[in-house]
């Protein structure tokens, strides 16, 4: 989980040393110092995805992890004075990792729900989303979620709020995949009748890869807020919330938002 690193300048070179044997106080704070008297920097392990555009994905030109969530978490870390080490995995792995305390936090487009709050803590909301239904471009039989029956098969992402919604609100057969792109490809290939997932991701996929192959039908379902997830009782929540509020006030959040969504959020 969290690691401590310090910097020491020796003959003009900066050496990054992994801290060992330091005395930590509760909540990840440390009283240790480097040989030159500088306070060491706490590094937190952050679980994330790499296949949820535009929130987190691999830039094919640079082969580096990027996205709205990634830049936001890095900005929060800079504002708070700590560093982050991202661990890439599928959504269900990140969720279970936070529940088990294997990571200090997770940022991966995770919706804040009452059920999840029983096992993990969340930051203040940082993105407002909702679910939408997508069907094949030439399908005129399904106009909304209300048209789904037990004869339909719908794809979505494993362990997501979309899967929960389908299970609880429809009679359709649910085909859940570890990666959401697999769910979209199943729709394009004709293996399922529809796909349900978070609006910004569905819109982005259609724009980038699915134009002419799939379309959104019906209304926005279940308005949802994304939050950064933490193990239950984490002391890091307050620091992250304070930094997030500052970024929203000073315009940094709006700058990052505009980079990935083409416009600034209302009021920012």
C-alpha atoms as a PDB file:
ATOM      1  CA  UNK A   1       0.000   0.000   0.000  1.00  0.00           C
ATOM      2  CA  UNK A   2       1.375   3.418   0.894  1.00  0.00           C
ATOM      3  CA  UNK A   3       5.114   3.884   0.502  1.00  0.00           C
ATOM      4  CA  UNK A   4       7.451   6.587   1.741  1.00  0.00           C
ATOM      5  CA  UNK A   5      10.120   8.121  -0.444  1.00  0.00           C
ATOM      6  CA  UNK A   6      12.635  10.837   0.286  1.00  0.00           C
ATOM      7  CA  UNK A   7      14.978  12.853  -1.922  1.00  0.00           C
ATOM      8  CA  UNK A   8      18.636  13.578  -1.208  1.00  0.00           C
ATOM      9  CA  UNK A   9      20.943  15.591  -3.411  1.00  0.00           C
ATOM     10  CA  UNK A  10      24.423  14.054  -3.688  1.00  0.00           C
ATOM     11  CA  UNK A  11      26.997  15.716  -5.954  1.00  0.00           C
ATOM     12  CA  UNK A  12      24.162  17.324  -7.917  1.00  0.00           C
ATOM     13  CA  UNK A  13      22.266  14.073  -8.466  1.00  0.00           C
ATOM     14  CA  UNK A  14      18.869  13.425  -6.932  1.00  0.00           C
ATOM     15  CA  UNK A  15      18.486   9.980  -5.453  1.00  0.00           C
ATOM     16  CA  UNK A  16      15.036   8.630  -4.705  1.00  0.00           C
ATOM     17  CA  UNK A  17      15.237   6.317  -1.743  1.00  0.00           C
ATOM     18  CA  UNK A  18      12.592   3.850  -0.676  1.00  0.00           C
ATOM     19  CA  UNK A  19      11.907   4.473   2.979  1.00  0.00           C
ATOM     20  CA  UNK A  20      12.594   1.623   5.297  1.00  0.00           C
ATOM     21  CA  UNK A  21      12.086   1.321   9.019  1.00  0.00           C
ATOM     22  CA  UNK A  22      10.424   4.725   9.387  1.00  0.00           C
ATOM     23  CA  UNK A  23       8.014   5.365  12.235  1.00  0.00           C
ATOM     24  CA  UNK A  24       4.555   6.113  10.812  1.00  0.00           C
ATOM     25  CA  UNK A  25       1.714   7.664  12.686  1.00  0.00           C
ATOM     26  CA  UNK A  26      -1.868   6.609  11.960  1.00  0.00           C
ATOM     27  CA  UNK A  27      -3.505   7.597   8.677  1.00  0.00           C
ATOM     28  CA  UNK A  28      -0.368   7.367   6.551  1.00  0.00           C
ATOM     29  CA  UNK A  29       1.320  10.430   8.083  1.00  0.00           C
ATOM     30  CA  UNK A  30       5.033  10.178   8.873  1.00  0.00           C
ATOM     31  CA  UNK A  31       7.351  12.018  11.204  1.00  0.00           C
ATOM     32  CA  UNK A  32      10.473  10.667   9.488  1.00  0.00           C
ATOM     33  CA  UNK A  33      12.948  12.953   7.782  1.00  0.00           C
ATOM     34  CA  UNK A  34      15.724  12.500   5.262  1.00  0.00           C
ATOM     35  CA  UNK A  35      19.407  13.020   6.086  1.00  0.00           C
ATOM     36  CA  UNK A  36      19.180  16.659   5.011  1.00  0.00           C
ATOM     37  CA  UNK A  37      16.227  17.312   7.299  1.00  0.00           C
ATOM     38  CA  UNK A  38      13.508  17.350   4.634  1.00  0.00           C
ATOM     39  CA  UNK A  39      10.185  15.724   5.451  1.00  0.00           C
ATOM     40  CA  UNK A  40       9.609  12.584   3.435  1.00  0.00           C
ATOM     41  CA  UNK A  41       6.807  12.374   0.899  1.00  0.00           C
ATOM     42  CA  UNK A  42       4.076   9.776   1.301  1.00  0.00           C
ATOM     43  CA  UNK A  43       3.239   7.744  -1.811  1.00  0.00           C
ATOM     44  CA  UNK A  44      -0.168   6.097  -1.981  1.00  0.00           C
ATOM     45  CA  UNK A  45      -1.103   3.073  -4.084  1.00  0.00           C
ATOM     46  CA  UNK A  46      -4.080   3.884  -6.294  1.00  0.00           C
ATOM     47  CA  UNK A  47      -6.143   1.224  -8.068  1.00  0.00           C
ATOM     48  CA  UNK A  48      -7.464   2.227 -11.470  1.00  0.00           C
ATOM     49  CA  UNK A  49      -8.521   0.920 -14.860  1.00  0.00           C
ATOM     50  CA  UNK A  50      -6.898   1.358 -18.263  1.00  0.00           C
ATOM     51  CA  UNK A  51      -9.901   0.754 -20.516  1.00  0.00           C
ATOM     52  CA  UNK A  52     -12.548   3.287 -19.499  1.00  0.00           C
ATOM     53  CA  UNK A  53     -12.206   6.220 -21.869  1.00  0.00           C
ATOM     54  CA  UNK A  54     -12.061   9.132 -21.371  1.00  0.00           C
ATOM     55  CA  UNK A  55     -11.551   8.577 -17.633  1.00  0.00           C
ATOM     56  CA  UNK A  56      -8.572   6.218 -17.727  1.00  0.00           C
ATOM     57  CA  UNK A  57      -6.962   4.614 -20.751  1.00  0.00           C
ATOM     58  CA  UNK A  58      -3.651   3.928 -22.459  1.00  0.00           C
ATOM     59  CA  UNK A  59      -2.567   6.631 -24.901  1.00  0.00           C
ATOM     60  CA  UNK A  60      -1.657   4.649 -28.013  1.00  0.00           C
ATOM     61  CA  UNK A  61       0.923   7.234 -29.095  1.00  0.00           C
ATOM     62  CA  UNK A  62       2.822   7.412 -25.817  1.00  0.00           C
ATOM     63  CA  UNK A  63       1.784   4.031 -24.375  1.00  0.00           C
ATOM     64  CA  UNK A  64       1.172   5.836 -21.071  1.00  0.00           C
ATOM     65  CA  UNK A  65      -1.795   5.779 -18.716  1.00  0.00           C
ATOM     66  CA  UNK A  66      -3.869   8.954 -19.029  1.00  0.00           C
ATOM     67  CA  UNK A  67      -7.411  10.236 -18.771  1.00  0.00           C
ATOM     68  CA  UNK A  68      -9.640  12.542 -16.741  1.00  0.00           C
ATOM     69  CA  UNK A  69      -9.428  10.444 -13.560  1.00  0.00           C
ATOM     70  CA  UNK A  70      -5.656  10.082 -13.840  1.00  0.00           C
ATOM     71  CA  UNK A  71      -4.975  13.796 -14.291  1.00  0.00           C
ATOM     72  CA  UNK A  72      -7.448  14.673 -11.540  1.00  0.00           C
ATOM     73  CA  UNK A  73      -5.829  12.258  -9.074  1.00  0.00           C
ATOM     74  CA  UNK A  74      -2.386  13.612  -9.918  1.00  0.00           C
ATOM     75  CA  UNK A  75      -3.637  17.171  -9.352  1.00  0.00           C
ATOM     76  CA  UNK A  76      -5.161  16.156  -6.011  1.00  0.00           C
ATOM     77  CA  UNK A  77      -1.863  14.564  -4.990  1.00  0.00           C
ATOM     78  CA  UNK A  78       0.094  17.682  -5.948  1.00  0.00           C
ATOM     79  CA  UNK A  79      -2.319  19.909  -4.034  1.00  0.00           C
ATOM     80  CA  UNK A  80      -2.181  17.657  -0.960  1.00  0.00           C
ATOM     81  CA  UNK A  81       1.566  17.134  -1.036  1.00  0.00           C
ATOM     82  CA  UNK A  82       1.711  13.380  -1.581  1.00  0.00           C
ATOM     83  CA  UNK A  83       2.543  11.161  -4.549  1.00  0.00           C
ATOM     84  CA  UNK A  84       0.599   8.376  -6.239  1.00  0.00           C
ATOM     85  CA  UNK A  85       1.485   5.017  -7.734  1.00  0.00           C
ATOM     86  CA  UNK A  86      -1.204   3.723 -10.100  1.00  0.00           C
ATOM     87  CA  UNK A  87      -2.045   0.015 -10.310  1.00  0.00           C
ATOM     88  CA  UNK A  88      -4.005  -0.987 -13.414  1.00  0.00           C
ATOM     89  CA  UNK A  89      -6.711  -3.658 -13.174  1.00  0.00           C
ATOM     90  CA  UNK A  90     -10.306  -4.351 -14.123  1.00  0.00           C
ATOM     91  CA  UNK A  91     -13.144  -2.668 -12.267  1.00  0.00           C
ATOM     92  CA  UNK A  92     -14.120  -5.621 -10.081  1.00  0.00           C
ATOM     93  CA  UNK A  93     -10.483  -6.086  -9.036  1.00  0.00           C
ATOM     94  CA  UNK A  94     -10.238  -2.470  -7.926  1.00  0.00           C
ATOM     95  CA  UNK A  95     -13.489  -2.681  -6.004  1.00  0.00           C
ATOM     96  CA  UNK A  96     -12.508  -5.844  -4.150  1.00  0.00           C
ATOM     97  CA  UNK A  97      -8.996  -4.476  -3.564  1.00  0.00           C
ATOM     98  CA  UNK A  98     -10.396  -1.421  -1.795  1.00  0.00           C
ATOM     99  CA  UNK A  99     -12.803  -3.539   0.234  1.00  0.00           C
ATOM    100  CA  UNK A 100      -9.875  -5.701   1.376  1.00  0.00           C
ATOM    101  CA  UNK A 101      -7.596  -2.731   2.053  1.00  0.00           C
ATOM    102  CA  UNK A 102      -5.055  -3.777  -0.573  1.00  0.00           C
ATOM    103  CA  UNK A 103      -4.868  -0.226  -1.989  1.00  0.00           C
ATOM    104  CA  UNK A 104      -5.045   3.224  -0.449  1.00  0.00           C
ATOM    105  CA  UNK A 105      -7.643   4.492  -2.932  1.00  0.00           C
ATOM    106  CA  UNK A 106      -9.303   3.740  -6.257  1.00  0.00           C
ATOM    107  CA  UNK A 107     -10.284   6.160  -8.990  1.00  0.00           C
ATOM    108  CA  UNK A 108     -11.963   4.470 -11.935  1.00  0.00           C
ATOM    109  CA  UNK A 109     -15.348   6.031 -12.602  1.00  0.00           C
ATOM    110  CA  UNK A 110     -16.858   4.341  -9.560  1.00  0.00           C
ATOM    111  CA  UNK A 111     -20.440   5.312  -8.784  1.00  0.00           C
ATOM    112  CA  UNK A 112     -21.272   6.188  -5.192  1.00  0.00           C
ATOM    113  CA  UNK A 113     -23.999   3.841  -3.963  1.00  0.00           C
ATOM    114  CA  UNK A 114     -25.476   3.094  -0.557  1.00  0.00           C
ATOM    115  CA  UNK A 115     -24.602  -0.582  -0.966  1.00  0.00           C
ATOM    116  CA  UNK A 116     -20.937   0.171  -1.661  1.00  0.00           C
ATOM    117  CA  UNK A 117     -20.770   2.651   1.226  1.00  0.00           C
ATOM    118  CA  UNK A 118     -21.409  -0.219   3.596  1.00  0.00           C
ATOM    119  CA  UNK A 119     -17.943  -1.607   2.822  1.00  0.00           C
ATOM    120  CA  UNK A 120     -15.886   1.341   1.571  1.00  0.00           C
ATOM    121  CA  UNK A 121     -15.666   5.117   1.974  1.00  0.00           C
ATOM    122  CA  UNK A 122     -15.993   7.699  -0.792  1.00  0.00           C
ATOM    123  CA  UNK A 123     -14.717  11.174  -1.438  1.00  0.00           C
ATOM    124  CA  UNK A 124     -17.105  13.978  -2.259  1.00  0.00           C
ATOM    125  CA  UNK A 125     -18.559  13.505  -5.774  1.00  0.00           C
ATOM    126  CA  UNK A 126     -16.295  14.630  -8.594  1.00  0.00           C
ATOM    127  CA  UNK A 127     -18.395  13.761 -11.669  1.00  0.00           C
ATOM    128  CA  UNK A 128     -22.125  13.507 -12.358  1.00  0.00           C
ATOM    129  CA  UNK A 129     -23.104  10.639 -14.647  1.00  0.00           C
ATOM    130  CA  UNK A 130     -25.976   8.268 -15.426  1.00  0.00           C
ATOM    131  CA  UNK A 131     -26.794   5.132 -17.389  1.00  0.00           C
ATOM    132  CA  UNK A 132     -27.883   4.944 -21.034  1.00  0.00           C
ATOM    133  CA  UNK A 133     -29.017   2.099 -23.243  1.00  0.00           C
ATOM    134  CA  UNK A 134     -27.382   1.496 -26.623  1.00  0.00           C
ATOM    135  CA  UNK A 135     -28.632  -0.714 -29.453  1.00  0.00           C
ATOM    136  CA  UNK A 136     -27.521  -1.569 -32.973  1.00  0.00           C
ATOM    137  CA  UNK A 137     -27.808   1.334 -35.395  1.00  0.00           C
ATOM    138  CA  UNK A 138     -30.494  -0.377 -37.502  1.00  0.00           C
ATOM    139  CA  UNK A 139     -32.557  -1.640 -34.534  1.00  0.00           C
ATOM    140  CA  UNK A 140     -35.918   0.135 -34.278  1.00  0.00           C
ATOM    141  CA  UNK A 141     -37.585  -2.424 -31.991  1.00  0.00           C
ATOM    142  CA  UNK A 142     -35.928  -1.236 -28.770  1.00  0.00           C
ATOM    143  CA  UNK A 143     -36.678   2.421 -28.108  1.00  0.00           C
ATOM    144  CA  UNK A 144     -36.044   2.521 -24.365  1.00  0.00           C
ATOM    145  CA  UNK A 145     -35.246   0.401 -21.323  1.00  0.00           C
ATOM    146  CA  UNK A 146     -38.985  -0.335 -21.021  1.00  0.00           C
ATOM    147  CA  UNK A 147     -38.882  -2.381 -24.228  1.00  0.00           C
ATOM    148  CA  UNK A 148     -36.523  -4.985 -22.788  1.00  0.00           C
ATOM    149  CA  UNK A 149     -38.068  -8.380 -22.087  1.00  0.00           C
ATOM    150  CA  UNK A 150     -36.865 -11.810 -21.003  1.00  0.00           C
ATOM    151  CA  UNK A 151     -36.223 -12.547 -24.683  1.00  0.00           C
ATOM    152  CA  UNK A 152     -33.491  -9.892 -24.840  1.00  0.00           C
ATOM    153  CA  UNK A 153     -29.841 -10.220 -23.900  1.00  0.00           C
ATOM    154  CA  UNK A 154     -28.048  -7.087 -22.687  1.00  0.00           C
ATOM    155  CA  UNK A 155     -24.309  -6.663 -22.202  1.00  0.00           C
ATOM    156  CA  UNK A 156     -22.613  -4.523 -19.578  1.00  0.00           C
ATOM    157  CA  UNK A 157     -19.577  -4.409 -17.314  1.00  0.00           C
ATOM    158  CA  UNK A 158     -19.023  -6.916 -14.536  1.00  0.00           C
ATOM    159  CA  UNK A 159     -19.692  -5.653 -10.974  1.00  0.00           C
ATOM    160  CA  UNK A 160     -20.963  -2.286 -12.253  1.00  0.00           C
ATOM    161  CA  UNK A 161     -24.080  -0.372 -11.245  1.00  0.00           C
ATOM    162  CA  UNK A 162     -25.302  -1.110 -14.778  1.00  0.00           C
ATOM    163  CA  UNK A 163     -25.295  -4.837 -14.022  1.00  0.00           C
ATOM    164  CA  UNK A 164     -27.178  -4.194 -10.776  1.00  0.00           C
ATOM    165  CA  UNK A 165     -29.715  -2.041 -12.595  1.00  0.00           C
ATOM    166  CA  UNK A 166     -30.349  -4.702 -15.239  1.00  0.00           C
ATOM    167  CA  UNK A 167     -30.709  -7.429 -12.619  1.00  0.00           C
ATOM    168  CA  UNK A 168     -33.125  -5.423 -10.489  1.00  0.00           C
ATOM    169  CA  UNK A 169     -35.075  -3.360 -13.014  1.00  0.00           C
ATOM    170  CA  UNK A 170     -35.439  -5.581 -16.099  1.00  0.00           C
ATOM    171  CA  UNK A 171     -36.236  -9.159 -17.057  1.00  0.00           C
ATOM    172  CA  UNK A 172     -33.503  -9.242 -19.685  1.00  0.00           C
ATOM    173  CA  UNK A 173     -30.700 -11.794 -19.658  1.00  0.00           C
ATOM    174  CA  UNK A 174     -27.527 -10.034 -18.512  1.00  0.00           C
ATOM    175  CA  UNK A 175     -24.189 -10.756 -20.178  1.00  0.00           C
ATOM    176  CA  UNK A 176     -21.483  -9.056 -18.051  1.00  0.00           C
ATOM    177  CA  UNK A 177     -17.891  -8.629 -19.237  1.00  0.00           C
ATOM    178  CA  UNK A 178     -14.704  -7.684 -17.321  1.00  0.00           C
ATOM    179  CA  UNK A 179     -14.073  -4.826 -19.781  1.00  0.00           C
ATOM    180  CA  UNK A 180     -16.814  -2.546 -21.096  1.00  0.00           C
ATOM    181  CA  UNK A 181     -15.342  -2.521 -24.601  1.00  0.00           C
ATOM    182  CA  UNK A 182     -16.089  -6.245 -24.752  1.00  0.00           C
ATOM    183  CA  UNK A 183     -19.728  -5.459 -24.013  1.00  0.00           C
ATOM    184  CA  UNK A 184     -19.841  -2.940 -26.854  1.00  0.00           C
ATOM    185  CA  UNK A 185     -18.164  -5.343 -29.259  1.00  0.00           C
ATOM    186  CA  UNK A 186     -20.725  -8.004 -28.339  1.00  0.00           C
ATOM    187  CA  UNK A 187     -23.461  -5.582 -29.376  1.00  0.00           C
ATOM    188  CA  UNK A 188     -21.761  -4.653 -32.648  1.00  0.00           C
ATOM    189  CA  UNK A 189     -21.190  -8.346 -33.436  1.00  0.00           C
ATOM    190  CA  UNK A 190     -24.873  -9.123 -32.811  1.00  0.00           C
ATOM    191  CA  UNK A 191     -24.289 -11.393 -29.817  1.00  0.00           C
ATOM    192  CA  UNK A 192     -26.550  -9.248 -27.620  1.00  0.00           C
ATOM    193  CA  UNK A 193     -29.545  -7.002 -28.254  1.00  0.00           C
ATOM    194  CA  UNK A 194     -28.384  -3.972 -26.284  1.00  0.00           C
ATOM    195  CA  UNK A 195     -25.683  -2.606 -23.990  1.00  0.00           C
ATOM    196  CA  UNK A 196     -26.140  -0.557 -20.836  1.00  0.00           C
ATOM    197  CA  UNK A 197     -23.441   1.597 -19.267  1.00  0.00           C
ATOM    198  CA  UNK A 198     -22.378   5.061 -18.107  1.00  0.00           C
ATOM    199  CA  UNK A 199     -23.385   7.836 -20.483  1.00  0.00           C
ATOM    200  CA  UNK A 200     -19.983   9.536 -21.058  1.00  0.00           C
ATOM    201  CA  UNK A 201     -18.279   6.246 -21.867  1.00  0.00           C
ATOM    202  CA  UNK A 202     -21.027   5.102 -24.245  1.00  0.00           C
ATOM    203  CA  UNK A 203     -20.968   8.471 -26.010  1.00  0.00           C
ATOM    204  CA  UNK A 204     -17.179   8.423 -26.300  1.00  0.00           C
ATOM    205  CA  UNK A 205     -17.100   4.882 -27.687  1.00  0.00           C
ATOM    206  CA  UNK A 206     -19.743   5.675 -30.311  1.00  0.00           C
ATOM    207  CA  UNK A 207     -17.840   8.790 -31.344  1.00  0.00           C
ATOM    208  CA  UNK A 208     -14.481   7.031 -31.568  1.00  0.00           C
ATOM    209  CA  UNK A 209     -15.300   3.482 -32.692  1.00  0.00           C
ATOM    210  CA  UNK A 210     -19.012   2.738 -32.856  1.00  0.00           C
ATOM    211  CA  UNK A 211     -20.369   5.444 -35.127  1.00  0.00           C
ATOM    212  CA  UNK A 212     -22.746   3.882 -37.635  1.00  0.00           C
ATOM    213  CA  UNK A 213     -22.815   0.628 -35.667  1.00  0.00           C
ATOM    214  CA  UNK A 214     -24.691   1.560 -32.482  1.00  0.00           C
ATOM    215  CA  UNK A 215     -26.844   4.345 -31.077  1.00  0.00           C
ATOM    216  CA  UNK A 216     -28.270   5.530 -27.749  1.00  0.00           C
ATOM    217  CA  UNK A 217     -32.003   5.155 -27.163  1.00  0.00           C
ATOM    218  CA  UNK A 218     -34.331   6.313 -24.400  1.00  0.00           C
ATOM    219  CA  UNK A 219     -33.707   8.621 -21.466  1.00  0.00           C
ATOM    220  CA  UNK A 220     -30.802   9.017 -19.068  1.00  0.00           C
ATOM    221  CA  UNK A 221     -31.297   6.519 -16.266  1.00  0.00           C
ATOM    222  CA  UNK A 222     -30.393   6.762 -12.579  1.00  0.00           C
ATOM    223  CA  UNK A 223     -28.346   9.917 -12.196  1.00  0.00           C
ATOM    224  CA  UNK A 224     -25.115   8.846 -10.505  1.00  0.00           C
ATOM    225  CA  UNK A 225     -22.095  10.560  -8.974  1.00  0.00           C
ATOM    226  CA  UNK A 226     -18.558   9.242  -9.284  1.00  0.00           C
ATOM    227  CA  UNK A 227     -16.363   9.283  -6.203  1.00  0.00           C
ATOM    228  CA  UNK A 228     -12.833   8.245  -5.245  1.00  0.00           C
ATOM    229  CA  UNK A 229     -13.030   5.069  -3.151  1.00  0.00           C
ATOM    230  CA  UNK A 230     -11.096   4.307   0.041  1.00  0.00           C
ATOM    231  CA  UNK A 231     -10.878   1.439   2.517  1.00  0.00           C
ATOM    232  CA  UNK A 232     -13.387   1.883   5.320  1.00  0.00           C
ATOM    233  CA  UNK A 233     -12.162   4.379   7.912  1.00  0.00           C
ATOM    234  CA  UNK A 234      -9.325   5.808   5.792  1.00  0.00           C
ATOM    235  CA  UNK A 235      -7.836   9.065   7.094  1.00  0.00           C
ATOM    236  CA  UNK A 236      -7.007  10.024   3.496  1.00  0.00           C
ATOM    237  CA  UNK A 237     -10.621  10.961   2.696  1.00  0.00           C
ATOM    238  CA  UNK A 238     -10.496  14.378   4.360  1.00  0.00           C
ATOM    239  CA  UNK A 239      -7.236  15.364   2.655  1.00  0.00           C
ATOM    240  CA  UNK A 240      -8.578  14.370  -0.751  1.00  0.00           C
ATOM    241  CA  UNK A 241     -11.864  16.207  -0.205  1.00  0.00           C
ATOM    242  CA  UNK A 242     -10.022  19.360   0.817  1.00  0.00           C
ATOM    243  CA  UNK A 243      -7.784  19.200  -2.250  1.00  0.00           C
ATOM    244  CA  UNK A 244     -10.713  18.436  -4.554  1.00  0.00           C
ATOM    245  CA  UNK A 245     -12.616  21.478  -3.260  1.00  0.00           C
ATOM    246  CA  UNK A 246      -9.564  23.671  -3.852  1.00  0.00           C
ATOM    247  CA  UNK A 247      -9.161  22.398  -7.433  1.00  0.00           C
ATOM    248  CA  UNK A 248     -12.812  23.135  -8.148  1.00  0.00           C
ATOM    249  CA  UNK A 249     -12.436  26.658  -6.757  1.00  0.00           C
ATOM    250  CA  UNK A 250      -9.162  27.617  -8.439  1.00  0.00           C
ATOM    251  CA  UNK A 251     -10.103  26.420 -11.930  1.00  0.00           C
ATOM    252  CA  UNK A 252      -7.798  23.398 -12.148  1.00  0.00           C
ATOM    253  CA  UNK A 253     -10.700  20.950 -12.133  1.00  0.00           C
ATOM    254  CA  UNK A 254     -12.405  22.914 -14.915  1.00  0.00           C
ATOM    255  CA  UNK A 255      -9.213  22.882 -16.992  1.00  0.00           C
ATOM    256  CA  UNK A 256      -8.880  19.094 -16.720  1.00  0.00           C
ATOM    257  CA  UNK A 257     -12.594  18.612 -17.400  1.00  0.00           C
ATOM    258  CA  UNK A 258     -12.441  20.735 -20.552  1.00  0.00           C
ATOM    259  CA  UNK A 259      -9.480  18.726 -21.854  1.00  0.00           C
ATOM    260  CA  UNK A 260     -11.481  15.496 -21.905  1.00  0.00           C
ATOM    261  CA  UNK A 261     -15.089  16.630 -22.387  1.00  0.00           C
ATOM    262  CA  UNK A 262     -14.663  19.621 -24.685  1.00  0.00           C
ATOM    263  CA  UNK A 263     -16.308  22.174 -22.402  1.00  0.00           C
ATOM    264  CA  UNK A 264     -16.040  23.427 -18.854  1.00  0.00           C
ATOM    265  CA  UNK A 265     -18.528  22.200 -16.261  1.00  0.00           C
ATOM    266  CA  UNK A 266     -21.361  24.583 -15.480  1.00  0.00           C
ATOM    267  CA  UNK A 267     -20.299  27.306 -13.073  1.00  0.00           C
ATOM    268  CA  UNK A 268     -16.571  26.621 -13.493  1.00  0.00           C
END
